[in-house]
Amino acid sequence: SVEGAPASELRPISRRTMVEVGGAYAFLERFEAGVRMPFYTQSGDSDGAVYRITPAGGTALGELTLHAKARLAQVKSLTAGAVLHLTLPTSTRNQFTGTDLPTVRLLGLATLVPIPRLTLSFNSGPVLRKTANYRNEVFIQQGSGLSWGAGASWHLADNLFVTGEVFGELTPKADQM
């Protein structure tokens, strides 16, 4: 445990770095298929015997993700599409990097180019997965939810862009499902 820290401030994951390796292939001018695998280095705070949670530590694998993407429509500066992600349970056990079963994520995609140098991107859609409990003695659950994201890209010069993104996932409390 961390000396002097209240149990409420201790976290099973306090530091995490993730590198994702993958590739994609675009074809027929409107489709893309790809695969990616995340690799984690992480550490956590031990809470001693308070909650009996073993903290994350060392390196860990995430879930292998396969994706299929399609451009559905393009009207002037607006493009709409969809992507399907299928994750496979390849994550390292008890390291908070994935679930024991496959998950499915279906996202609607929209890209707007309001002026030639600025591109705005948005996505949202359901994440479908079986509710997972992390050990029965501790109430940590994760179930289905809603994934969302937004981004902006500014074209500074040939092959030079500044890009920012925000993204997240909303999951209802387990007792409200």
N, C-alpha and C. Protein backbone atom coordinates (compact mmCIF):
# COMPACT_ATOMS: atom_id res chain seq x y z
N SER A 1 0.84 -1.18 0.00
CA SER A 1 0.00 0.00 0.00
C SER A 1 0.88 1.24 0.00
N VAL A 2 0.29 2.36 -0.37
CA VAL A 2 1.00 3.62 -0.40
C VAL A 2 0.84 4.25 0.97
N GLU A 3 1.95 4.51 1.64
CA GLU A 3 1.89 5.01 3.01
C GLU A 3 1.17 6.34 3.09
N GLY A 4 0.25 6.45 4.04
CA GLY A 4 -0.45 7.69 4.31
C GLY A 4 -1.59 8.00 3.36
N ALA A 5 -1.79 7.22 2.30
CA ALA A 5 -2.86 7.50 1.35
C ALA A 5 -4.14 6.81 1.80
N PRO A 6 -5.26 7.56 1.83
CA PRO A 6 -6.52 6.90 2.17
C PRO A 6 -6.88 5.87 1.12
N ALA A 7 -7.59 4.82 1.52
CA ALA A 7 -7.95 3.74 0.59
C ALA A 7 -8.74 4.27 -0.60
N SER A 8 -9.53 5.34 -0.40
CA SER A 8 -10.34 5.87 -1.49
C SER A 8 -9.48 6.51 -2.59
N GLU A 9 -8.22 6.84 -2.31
CA GLU A 9 -7.34 7.46 -3.30
C GLU A 9 -6.44 6.44 -4.00
N LEU A 10 -6.47 5.20 -3.57
CA LEU A 10 -5.65 4.18 -4.19
C LEU A 10 -6.37 3.60 -5.40
N ARG A 11 -5.62 3.34 -6.45
CA ARG A 11 -6.23 2.86 -7.69
C ARG A 11 -5.53 1.62 -8.19
N PRO A 12 -6.32 0.62 -8.67
CA PRO A 12 -5.70 -0.58 -9.23
C PRO A 12 -4.81 -0.27 -10.44
N ILE A 13 -5.14 0.82 -11.16
CA ILE A 13 -4.29 1.31 -12.25
C ILE A 13 -4.05 2.79 -11.98
N SER A 14 -2.82 3.15 -11.66
CA SER A 14 -2.51 4.56 -11.43
C SER A 14 -1.68 5.15 -12.57
N ARG A 15 -0.97 4.31 -13.32
CA ARG A 15 -0.19 4.76 -14.47
C ARG A 15 -0.33 3.73 -15.59
N ARG A 16 -0.56 4.22 -16.81
CA ARG A 16 -0.72 3.31 -17.95
C ARG A 16 -0.22 3.98 -19.22
N THR A 17 0.56 3.23 -19.97
CA THR A 17 0.99 3.64 -21.30
C THR A 17 0.57 2.55 -22.27
N MET A 18 -0.02 2.96 -23.39
CA MET A 18 -0.49 1.98 -24.37
C MET A 18 0.10 2.32 -25.73
N VAL A 19 0.61 1.30 -26.41
CA VAL A 19 1.07 1.40 -27.79
C VAL A 19 0.21 0.42 -28.58
N GLU A 20 -0.34 0.89 -29.68
CA GLU A 20 -1.19 0.05 -30.49
C GLU A 20 -0.54 -0.16 -31.85
N VAL A 21 -0.43 -1.42 -32.27
CA VAL A 21 0.17 -1.78 -33.54
C VAL A 21 -0.93 -2.37 -34.42
N GLY A 22 -1.00 -1.90 -35.64
CA GLY A 22 -2.04 -2.42 -36.51
C GLY A 22 -1.83 -2.01 -37.95
N GLY A 23 -2.77 -2.41 -38.75
CA GLY A 23 -2.73 -2.06 -40.15
C GLY A 23 -4.12 -2.15 -40.74
N ALA A 24 -4.29 -1.50 -41.89
CA ALA A 24 -5.58 -1.52 -42.58
C ALA A 24 -5.34 -1.52 -44.08
N TYR A 25 -6.32 -2.04 -44.79
CA TYR A 25 -6.26 -2.09 -46.24
C TYR A 25 -7.54 -1.47 -46.80
N ALA A 26 -7.39 -0.44 -47.63
CA ALA A 26 -8.54 0.20 -48.26
C ALA A 26 -8.73 -0.39 -49.66
N PHE A 27 -10.00 -0.58 -50.05
CA PHE A 27 -10.28 -1.18 -51.35
C PHE A 27 -11.60 -0.67 -51.92
N LEU A 28 -11.73 -0.74 -53.21
CA LEU A 28 -12.92 -0.34 -53.95
C LEU A 28 -13.36 1.09 -53.66
N GLU A 29 -12.42 1.95 -53.28
CA GLU A 29 -12.61 3.38 -53.06
C GLU A 29 -13.61 3.74 -51.96
N ARG A 30 -14.12 2.79 -51.22
CA ARG A 30 -15.06 3.13 -50.16
C ARG A 30 -15.05 2.19 -48.97
N PHE A 31 -14.22 1.14 -49.00
CA PHE A 31 -14.18 0.17 -47.91
C PHE A 31 -12.79 0.09 -47.31
N GLU A 32 -12.74 -0.37 -46.06
CA GLU A 32 -11.46 -0.58 -45.36
C GLU A 32 -11.63 -1.76 -44.41
N ALA A 33 -10.59 -2.59 -44.32
CA ALA A 33 -10.56 -3.69 -43.35
C ALA A 33 -9.23 -3.61 -42.62
N GLY A 34 -9.25 -3.89 -41.32
CA GLY A 34 -8.01 -3.77 -40.58
C GLY A 34 -7.99 -4.58 -39.31
N VAL A 35 -6.83 -4.54 -38.67
CA VAL A 35 -6.60 -5.25 -37.42
C VAL A 35 -5.65 -4.42 -36.56
N ARG A 36 -5.83 -4.49 -35.24
CA ARG A 36 -4.90 -3.79 -34.33
C ARG A 36 -4.81 -4.52 -33.00
N MET A 37 -3.66 -4.36 -32.36
CA MET A 37 -3.41 -5.01 -31.07
C MET A 37 -2.76 -3.99 -30.13
N PRO A 38 -3.38 -3.73 -28.96
CA PRO A 38 -2.76 -2.83 -28.00
C PRO A 38 -1.82 -3.58 -27.04
N PHE A 39 -0.74 -2.91 -26.69
CA PHE A 39 0.23 -3.41 -25.71
C PHE A 39 0.32 -2.37 -24.60
N TYR A 40 0.24 -2.81 -23.35
CA TYR A 40 0.21 -1.91 -22.20
C TYR A 40 1.43 -2.10 -21.31
N THR A 41 1.88 -1.01 -20.71
CA THR A 41 2.78 -1.02 -19.57
C THR A 41 2.05 -0.24 -18.49
N GLN A 42 1.87 -0.84 -17.33
CA GLN A 42 1.05 -0.19 -16.32
C GLN A 42 1.46 -0.56 -14.91
N SER A 43 1.01 0.26 -13.98
CA SER A 43 1.24 -0.03 -12.56
C SER A 43 0.07 0.53 -11.77
N GLY A 44 -0.10 0.00 -10.57
CA GLY A 44 -1.20 0.43 -9.72
C GLY A 44 -0.78 0.49 -8.27
N ASP A 45 -1.69 1.01 -7.46
CA ASP A 45 -1.45 1.13 -6.02
C ASP A 45 -2.08 -0.06 -5.31
N SER A 46 -1.33 -0.70 -4.44
CA SER A 46 -1.88 -1.79 -3.64
C SER A 46 -2.67 -1.19 -2.49
N ASP A 47 -3.83 -1.75 -2.21
CA ASP A 47 -4.63 -1.24 -1.10
C ASP A 47 -4.50 -2.14 0.13
N GLY A 48 -3.50 -3.00 0.12
CA GLY A 48 -3.35 -3.93 1.24
C GLY A 48 -4.53 -4.88 1.23
N ALA A 49 -5.24 -4.99 2.33
CA ALA A 49 -6.37 -5.91 2.41
C ALA A 49 -7.70 -5.18 2.41
N VAL A 50 -7.72 -3.86 2.19
CA VAL A 50 -8.96 -3.10 2.29
C VAL A 50 -10.00 -3.61 1.30
N TYR A 51 -9.68 -3.60 0.00
CA TYR A 51 -10.63 -4.05 -1.02
C TYR A 51 -10.21 -5.36 -1.67
N ARG A 52 -9.06 -5.87 -1.36
CA ARG A 52 -8.53 -7.11 -1.92
C ARG A 52 -8.39 -7.05 -3.44
N ILE A 53 -7.96 -5.91 -3.95
CA ILE A 53 -7.74 -5.75 -5.39
C ILE A 53 -6.24 -5.80 -5.64
N THR A 54 -5.82 -6.74 -6.44
CA THR A 54 -4.42 -6.81 -6.84
C THR A 54 -4.19 -5.75 -7.91
N PRO A 55 -3.25 -4.84 -7.72
CA PRO A 55 -3.05 -3.79 -8.71
C PRO A 55 -2.43 -4.32 -10.00
N ALA A 56 -2.66 -3.58 -11.07
CA ALA A 56 -2.03 -3.91 -12.36
C ALA A 56 -0.53 -3.70 -12.21
N GLY A 57 0.23 -4.46 -12.98
CA GLY A 57 1.67 -4.29 -12.92
C GLY A 57 2.35 -4.93 -14.12
N GLY A 58 3.35 -4.26 -14.64
CA GLY A 58 4.14 -4.81 -15.74
C GLY A 58 3.50 -4.58 -17.10
N THR A 59 3.78 -5.49 -18.01
CA THR A 59 3.25 -5.38 -19.37
C THR A 59 2.06 -6.31 -19.55
N ALA A 60 1.19 -5.94 -20.47
CA ALA A 60 -0.02 -6.74 -20.69
C ALA A 60 -0.50 -6.56 -22.13
N LEU A 61 -1.16 -7.58 -22.63
CA LEU A 61 -1.80 -7.50 -23.94
C LEU A 61 -3.22 -6.98 -23.78
N GLY A 62 -3.70 -6.28 -24.79
CA GLY A 62 -5.10 -5.87 -24.84
C GLY A 62 -5.88 -6.84 -25.71
N GLU A 63 -7.02 -6.39 -26.20
CA GLU A 63 -7.87 -7.23 -27.03
C GLU A 63 -7.57 -6.98 -28.51
N LEU A 64 -7.37 -8.05 -29.26
CA LEU A 64 -7.18 -7.97 -30.70
C LEU A 64 -8.49 -7.46 -31.30
N THR A 65 -8.40 -6.42 -32.15
CA THR A 65 -9.58 -5.82 -32.75
C THR A 65 -9.52 -5.93 -34.26
N LEU A 66 -10.60 -6.45 -34.84
CA LEU A 66 -10.78 -6.49 -36.28
C LEU A 66 -11.81 -5.43 -36.64
N HIS A 67 -11.60 -4.72 -37.75
CA HIS A 67 -12.62 -3.73 -38.13
C HIS A 67 -12.91 -3.76 -39.62
N ALA A 68 -14.14 -3.35 -39.94
CA ALA A 68 -14.59 -3.18 -41.32
C ALA A 68 -15.29 -1.82 -41.38
N LYS A 69 -14.86 -0.98 -42.32
CA LYS A 69 -15.38 0.38 -42.42
C LYS A 69 -15.90 0.59 -43.84
N ALA A 70 -16.98 1.39 -43.95
CA ALA A 70 -17.54 1.70 -45.27
C ALA A 70 -17.97 3.16 -45.32
N ARG A 71 -17.67 3.81 -46.44
CA ARG A 71 -18.21 5.14 -46.71
C ARG A 71 -19.60 4.91 -47.31
N LEU A 72 -20.64 5.46 -46.68
CA LEU A 72 -22.00 5.22 -47.12
C LEU A 72 -22.52 6.32 -48.05
N ALA A 73 -22.10 7.56 -47.81
CA ALA A 73 -22.59 8.68 -48.62
C ALA A 73 -21.60 9.84 -48.54
N GLN A 74 -21.59 10.63 -49.62
CA GLN A 74 -20.77 11.84 -49.63
C GLN A 74 -21.54 12.91 -50.39
N VAL A 75 -21.83 14.01 -49.69
CA VAL A 75 -22.55 15.13 -50.28
C VAL A 75 -21.74 16.39 -49.99
N LYS A 76 -21.15 16.95 -51.04
CA LYS A 76 -20.30 18.14 -50.94
C LYS A 76 -19.25 17.95 -49.85
N SER A 77 -19.32 18.73 -48.76
CA SER A 77 -18.27 18.68 -47.74
C SER A 77 -18.60 17.73 -46.58
N LEU A 78 -19.66 16.95 -46.70
CA LEU A 78 -20.07 16.03 -45.63
C LEU A 78 -19.96 14.58 -46.12
N THR A 79 -19.29 13.75 -45.33
CA THR A 79 -19.15 12.32 -45.63
C THR A 79 -19.70 11.53 -44.45
N ALA A 80 -20.50 10.50 -44.75
CA ALA A 80 -21.07 9.64 -43.71
C ALA A 80 -20.62 8.21 -43.95
N GLY A 81 -20.38 7.50 -42.84
CA GLY A 81 -19.96 6.11 -42.95
C GLY A 81 -20.31 5.33 -41.71
N ALA A 82 -19.84 4.11 -41.68
CA ALA A 82 -20.07 3.24 -40.53
C ALA A 82 -18.86 2.32 -40.37
N VAL A 83 -18.61 1.91 -39.14
CA VAL A 83 -17.53 0.97 -38.86
C VAL A 83 -18.01 -0.07 -37.85
N LEU A 84 -17.62 -1.30 -38.07
CA LEU A 84 -17.92 -2.40 -37.16
C LEU A 84 -16.60 -2.89 -36.58
N HIS A 85 -16.49 -2.92 -35.25
CA HIS A 85 -15.31 -3.45 -34.56
C HIS A 85 -15.70 -4.73 -33.86
N LEU A 86 -14.89 -5.74 -33.99
CA LEU A 86 -15.06 -6.99 -33.26
C LEU A 86 -13.78 -7.21 -32.46
N THR A 87 -13.90 -7.26 -31.13
CA THR A 87 -12.71 -7.54 -30.31
C THR A 87 -12.72 -9.00 -29.90
N LEU A 88 -11.54 -9.57 -29.87
CA LEU A 88 -11.37 -10.96 -29.46
C LEU A 88 -10.65 -10.99 -28.12
N PRO A 89 -11.02 -11.92 -27.23
CA PRO A 89 -10.48 -11.93 -25.87
C PRO A 89 -9.04 -12.43 -25.79
N THR A 90 -8.11 -11.56 -26.13
CA THR A 90 -6.68 -11.90 -26.08
C THR A 90 -5.96 -11.18 -24.96
N SER A 91 -6.70 -10.46 -24.11
CA SER A 91 -6.07 -9.63 -23.08
C SER A 91 -5.46 -10.48 -21.97
N THR A 92 -4.46 -9.88 -21.31
CA THR A 92 -3.78 -10.53 -20.18
C THR A 92 -4.74 -10.54 -18.98
N ARG A 93 -4.92 -11.68 -18.40
CA ARG A 93 -5.87 -11.87 -17.29
C ARG A 93 -5.49 -11.03 -16.08
N ASN A 94 -6.53 -10.46 -15.43
CA ASN A 94 -6.40 -9.67 -14.20
C ASN A 94 -5.53 -8.43 -14.34
N GLN A 95 -5.45 -7.87 -15.54
CA GLN A 95 -4.67 -6.64 -15.74
C GLN A 95 -5.54 -5.48 -16.22
N PHE A 96 -6.86 -5.64 -16.20
CA PHE A 96 -7.80 -4.59 -16.57
C PHE A 96 -7.60 -4.12 -18.01
N THR A 97 -7.28 -5.04 -18.93
CA THR A 97 -7.04 -4.67 -20.32
C THR A 97 -8.03 -5.31 -21.28
N GLY A 98 -9.08 -5.94 -20.79
CA GLY A 98 -10.07 -6.53 -21.67
C GLY A 98 -11.00 -7.46 -20.93
N THR A 99 -11.89 -8.08 -21.70
CA THR A 99 -12.89 -8.99 -21.13
C THR A 99 -12.60 -10.42 -21.56
N ASP A 100 -13.38 -11.35 -21.03
CA ASP A 100 -13.21 -12.77 -21.35
C ASP A 100 -13.98 -13.22 -22.59
N LEU A 101 -14.83 -12.33 -23.13
CA LEU A 101 -15.66 -12.68 -24.28
C LEU A 101 -15.50 -11.63 -25.38
N PRO A 102 -15.84 -11.97 -26.62
CA PRO A 102 -15.79 -10.97 -27.69
C PRO A 102 -16.75 -9.81 -27.42
N THR A 103 -16.46 -8.65 -28.00
CA THR A 103 -17.35 -7.50 -27.93
C THR A 103 -17.57 -6.99 -29.35
N VAL A 104 -18.67 -6.26 -29.53
CA VAL A 104 -19.01 -5.68 -30.82
C VAL A 104 -19.28 -4.19 -30.61
N ARG A 105 -18.74 -3.39 -31.52
CA ARG A 105 -18.93 -1.94 -31.49
C ARG A 105 -19.35 -1.52 -32.90
N LEU A 106 -20.47 -0.83 -33.03
CA LEU A 106 -20.95 -0.34 -34.31
C LEU A 106 -21.07 1.17 -34.22
N LEU A 107 -20.29 1.88 -35.02
CA LEU A 107 -20.25 3.33 -34.94
C LEU A 107 -20.72 3.98 -36.23
N GLY A 108 -21.52 5.03 -36.09
CA GLY A 108 -21.82 5.90 -37.21
C GLY A 108 -20.71 6.93 -37.29
N LEU A 109 -20.28 7.28 -38.49
CA LEU A 109 -19.17 8.20 -38.69
C LEU A 109 -19.65 9.40 -39.52
N ALA A 110 -19.18 10.59 -39.19
CA ALA A 110 -19.48 11.78 -39.98
C ALA A 110 -18.23 12.65 -40.04
N THR A 111 -17.91 13.14 -41.23
CA THR A 111 -16.78 14.04 -41.42
C THR A 111 -17.27 15.26 -42.19
N LEU A 112 -16.93 16.44 -41.68
CA LEU A 112 -17.33 17.69 -42.28
C LEU A 112 -16.09 18.52 -42.58
N VAL A 113 -16.02 19.06 -43.78
CA VAL A 113 -14.92 19.95 -44.17
C VAL A 113 -15.53 21.32 -44.42
N PRO A 114 -15.66 22.17 -43.36
CA PRO A 114 -16.33 23.46 -43.53
C PRO A 114 -15.52 24.46 -44.36
N ILE A 115 -14.19 24.38 -44.24
CA ILE A 115 -13.28 25.19 -45.06
C ILE A 115 -12.14 24.27 -45.49
N PRO A 116 -11.44 24.57 -46.58
CA PRO A 116 -10.46 23.63 -47.11
C PRO A 116 -9.38 23.13 -46.14
N ARG A 117 -8.97 23.90 -45.17
CA ARG A 117 -7.90 23.48 -44.26
C ARG A 117 -8.40 22.80 -42.99
N LEU A 118 -9.70 22.80 -42.74
CA LEU A 118 -10.26 22.28 -41.48
C LEU A 118 -11.16 21.08 -41.75
N THR A 119 -10.91 19.99 -41.02
CA THR A 119 -11.75 18.80 -41.08
C THR A 119 -12.25 18.49 -39.67
N LEU A 120 -13.55 18.31 -39.52
CA LEU A 120 -14.18 17.95 -38.25
C LEU A 120 -14.73 16.53 -38.38
N SER A 121 -14.49 15.69 -37.38
CA SER A 121 -14.93 14.30 -37.42
C SER A 121 -15.71 13.96 -36.16
N PHE A 122 -16.75 13.15 -36.32
CA PHE A 122 -17.60 12.74 -35.20
C PHE A 122 -17.94 11.26 -35.37
N ASN A 123 -18.08 10.55 -34.24
CA ASN A 123 -18.55 9.17 -34.28
C ASN A 123 -19.30 8.85 -33.00
N SER A 124 -20.23 7.92 -33.12
CA SER A 124 -20.98 7.49 -31.95
C SER A 124 -21.70 6.19 -32.28
N GLY A 125 -21.90 5.37 -31.27
CA GLY A 125 -22.64 4.14 -31.46
C GLY A 125 -22.54 3.20 -30.28
N PRO A 126 -23.31 2.11 -30.32
CA PRO A 126 -23.35 1.18 -29.19
C PRO A 126 -22.11 0.27 -29.12
N VAL A 127 -21.77 -0.09 -27.88
CA VAL A 127 -20.78 -1.12 -27.59
C VAL A 127 -21.55 -2.24 -26.92
N LEU A 128 -21.52 -3.42 -27.51
CA LEU A 128 -22.28 -4.54 -26.98
C LEU A 128 -21.33 -5.57 -26.37
N ARG A 129 -21.51 -5.82 -25.10
CA ARG A 129 -20.69 -6.82 -24.41
C ARG A 129 -21.45 -7.34 -23.21
N LYS A 130 -21.14 -8.56 -22.85
CA LYS A 130 -21.72 -9.15 -21.65
C LYS A 130 -21.17 -8.40 -20.44
N THR A 131 -22.01 -8.16 -19.44
CA THR A 131 -21.54 -7.49 -18.24
C THR A 131 -20.47 -8.36 -17.58
N ALA A 132 -19.33 -7.74 -17.34
CA ALA A 132 -18.20 -8.46 -16.73
C ALA A 132 -18.00 -7.95 -15.31
N ASN A 133 -17.79 -8.87 -14.38
CA ASN A 133 -17.48 -8.54 -13.00
C ASN A 133 -16.02 -8.82 -12.75
N TYR A 134 -15.35 -7.91 -12.07
CA TYR A 134 -13.98 -8.17 -11.67
C TYR A 134 -14.03 -8.72 -10.26
N ARG A 135 -13.84 -9.98 -10.14
CA ARG A 135 -13.88 -10.70 -8.86
C ARG A 135 -15.18 -10.43 -8.13
N ASN A 136 -15.73 -11.43 -7.55
CA ASN A 136 -17.03 -11.31 -6.89
C ASN A 136 -17.00 -10.50 -5.60
N GLU A 137 -15.85 -10.45 -4.92
CA GLU A 137 -15.82 -9.74 -3.63
C GLU A 137 -15.69 -8.23 -3.80
N VAL A 138 -15.44 -7.76 -5.02
CA VAL A 138 -15.29 -6.34 -5.28
C VAL A 138 -16.29 -5.95 -6.36
N PHE A 139 -16.97 -4.85 -6.17
CA PHE A 139 -18.00 -4.44 -7.12
C PHE A 139 -17.39 -3.55 -8.21
N ILE A 140 -16.78 -4.17 -9.20
CA ILE A 140 -16.33 -3.46 -10.39
C ILE A 140 -16.97 -4.18 -11.56
N GLN A 141 -17.84 -3.48 -12.28
CA GLN A 141 -18.54 -4.08 -13.41
C GLN A 141 -18.39 -3.21 -14.65
N GLN A 142 -18.45 -3.87 -15.82
CA GLN A 142 -18.49 -3.16 -17.08
C GLN A 142 -19.41 -3.92 -18.01
N GLY A 143 -20.36 -3.21 -18.59
CA GLY A 143 -21.30 -3.82 -19.51
C GLY A 143 -21.38 -3.02 -20.80
N SER A 144 -22.48 -3.17 -21.50
CA SER A 144 -22.68 -2.45 -22.76
C SER A 144 -22.77 -0.95 -22.50
N GLY A 145 -22.54 -0.18 -23.54
CA GLY A 145 -22.57 1.26 -23.38
C GLY A 145 -22.65 1.98 -24.71
N LEU A 146 -22.34 3.27 -24.68
CA LEU A 146 -22.35 4.13 -25.85
C LEU A 146 -20.97 4.75 -26.02
N SER A 147 -20.36 4.50 -27.16
CA SER A 147 -19.05 5.06 -27.48
C SER A 147 -19.25 6.35 -28.27
N TRP A 148 -18.37 7.34 -28.04
CA TRP A 148 -18.47 8.61 -28.76
C TRP A 148 -17.08 9.18 -29.00
N GLY A 149 -16.98 10.04 -29.98
CA GLY A 149 -15.71 10.71 -30.25
C GLY A 149 -15.90 11.92 -31.14
N ALA A 150 -14.96 12.86 -31.07
CA ALA A 150 -14.96 14.05 -31.91
C ALA A 150 -13.52 14.46 -32.14
N GLY A 151 -13.25 15.00 -33.30
CA GLY A 151 -11.89 15.42 -33.61
C GLY A 151 -11.87 16.58 -34.58
N ALA A 152 -10.75 17.26 -34.63
CA ALA A 152 -10.53 18.35 -35.57
C ALA A 152 -9.11 18.24 -36.09
N SER A 153 -8.94 18.54 -37.37
CA SER A 153 -7.63 18.50 -38.00
C SER A 153 -7.44 19.76 -38.83
N TRP A 154 -6.33 20.46 -38.60
CA TRP A 154 -6.01 21.68 -39.33
C TRP A 154 -4.80 21.40 -40.23
N HIS A 155 -4.95 21.64 -41.52
CA HIS A 155 -3.89 21.40 -42.50
C HIS A 155 -2.96 22.61 -42.51
N LEU A 156 -1.76 22.46 -41.92
CA LEU A 156 -0.80 23.56 -41.84
C LEU A 156 -0.02 23.75 -43.14
N ALA A 157 0.48 22.65 -43.71
CA ALA A 157 1.29 22.68 -44.92
C ALA A 157 1.25 21.29 -45.54
N ASP A 158 1.88 21.14 -46.71
CA ASP A 158 1.93 19.82 -47.34
C ASP A 158 2.41 18.77 -46.34
N ASN A 159 1.62 17.73 -46.14
CA ASN A 159 1.95 16.62 -45.24
C ASN A 159 2.14 17.02 -43.79
N LEU A 160 1.61 18.17 -43.36
CA LEU A 160 1.72 18.59 -41.97
C LEU A 160 0.35 19.04 -41.46
N PHE A 161 -0.15 18.31 -40.45
CA PHE A 161 -1.45 18.58 -39.88
C PHE A 161 -1.32 18.68 -38.36
N VAL A 162 -2.19 19.47 -37.74
CA VAL A 162 -2.34 19.48 -36.29
C VAL A 162 -3.71 18.88 -36.02
N THR A 163 -3.75 17.85 -35.17
CA THR A 163 -4.99 17.12 -34.93
C THR A 163 -5.24 16.99 -33.43
N GLY A 164 -6.49 17.12 -33.05
CA GLY A 164 -6.90 16.90 -31.66
C GLY A 164 -8.14 16.03 -31.64
N GLU A 165 -8.23 15.17 -30.63
CA GLU A 165 -9.37 14.27 -30.50
C GLU A 165 -9.81 14.17 -29.05
N VAL A 166 -11.08 13.96 -28.84
CA VAL A 166 -11.62 13.57 -27.54
C VAL A 166 -12.53 12.38 -27.80
N PHE A 167 -12.57 11.45 -26.86
CA PHE A 167 -13.40 10.27 -27.03
C PHE A 167 -13.69 9.66 -25.68
N GLY A 168 -14.69 8.83 -25.65
CA GLY A 168 -15.04 8.18 -24.38
C GLY A 168 -16.13 7.16 -24.57
N GLU A 169 -16.59 6.67 -23.45
CA GLU A 169 -17.65 5.67 -23.45
C GLU A 169 -18.53 5.90 -22.24
N LEU A 170 -19.82 5.91 -22.47
CA LEU A 170 -20.80 6.05 -21.39
C LEU A 170 -21.37 4.67 -21.12
N THR A 171 -21.29 4.23 -19.87
CA THR A 171 -21.86 2.95 -19.50
C THR A 171 -22.77 3.16 -18.30
N PRO A 172 -24.01 2.68 -18.40
CA PRO A 172 -24.93 2.84 -17.26
C PRO A 172 -24.46 1.99 -16.08
N LYS A 173 -24.87 2.39 -14.90
CA LYS A 173 -24.56 1.58 -13.72
C LYS A 173 -25.19 0.21 -13.87
N ALA A 174 -24.53 -0.79 -13.33
CA ALA A 174 -25.00 -2.18 -13.47
C ALA A 174 -26.41 -2.36 -12.90
N ASP A 175 -26.75 -1.64 -11.83
CA ASP A 175 -28.07 -1.80 -11.23
C ASP A 175 -29.16 -1.08 -12.02
N GLN A 176 -28.79 -0.32 -13.06
CA GLN A 176 -29.78 0.37 -13.88
C GLN A 176 -29.98 -0.34 -15.20
N MET A 177 -29.30 -1.45 -15.44
CA MET A 177 -29.39 -2.15 -16.71
C MET A 177 -30.56 -3.10 -16.70
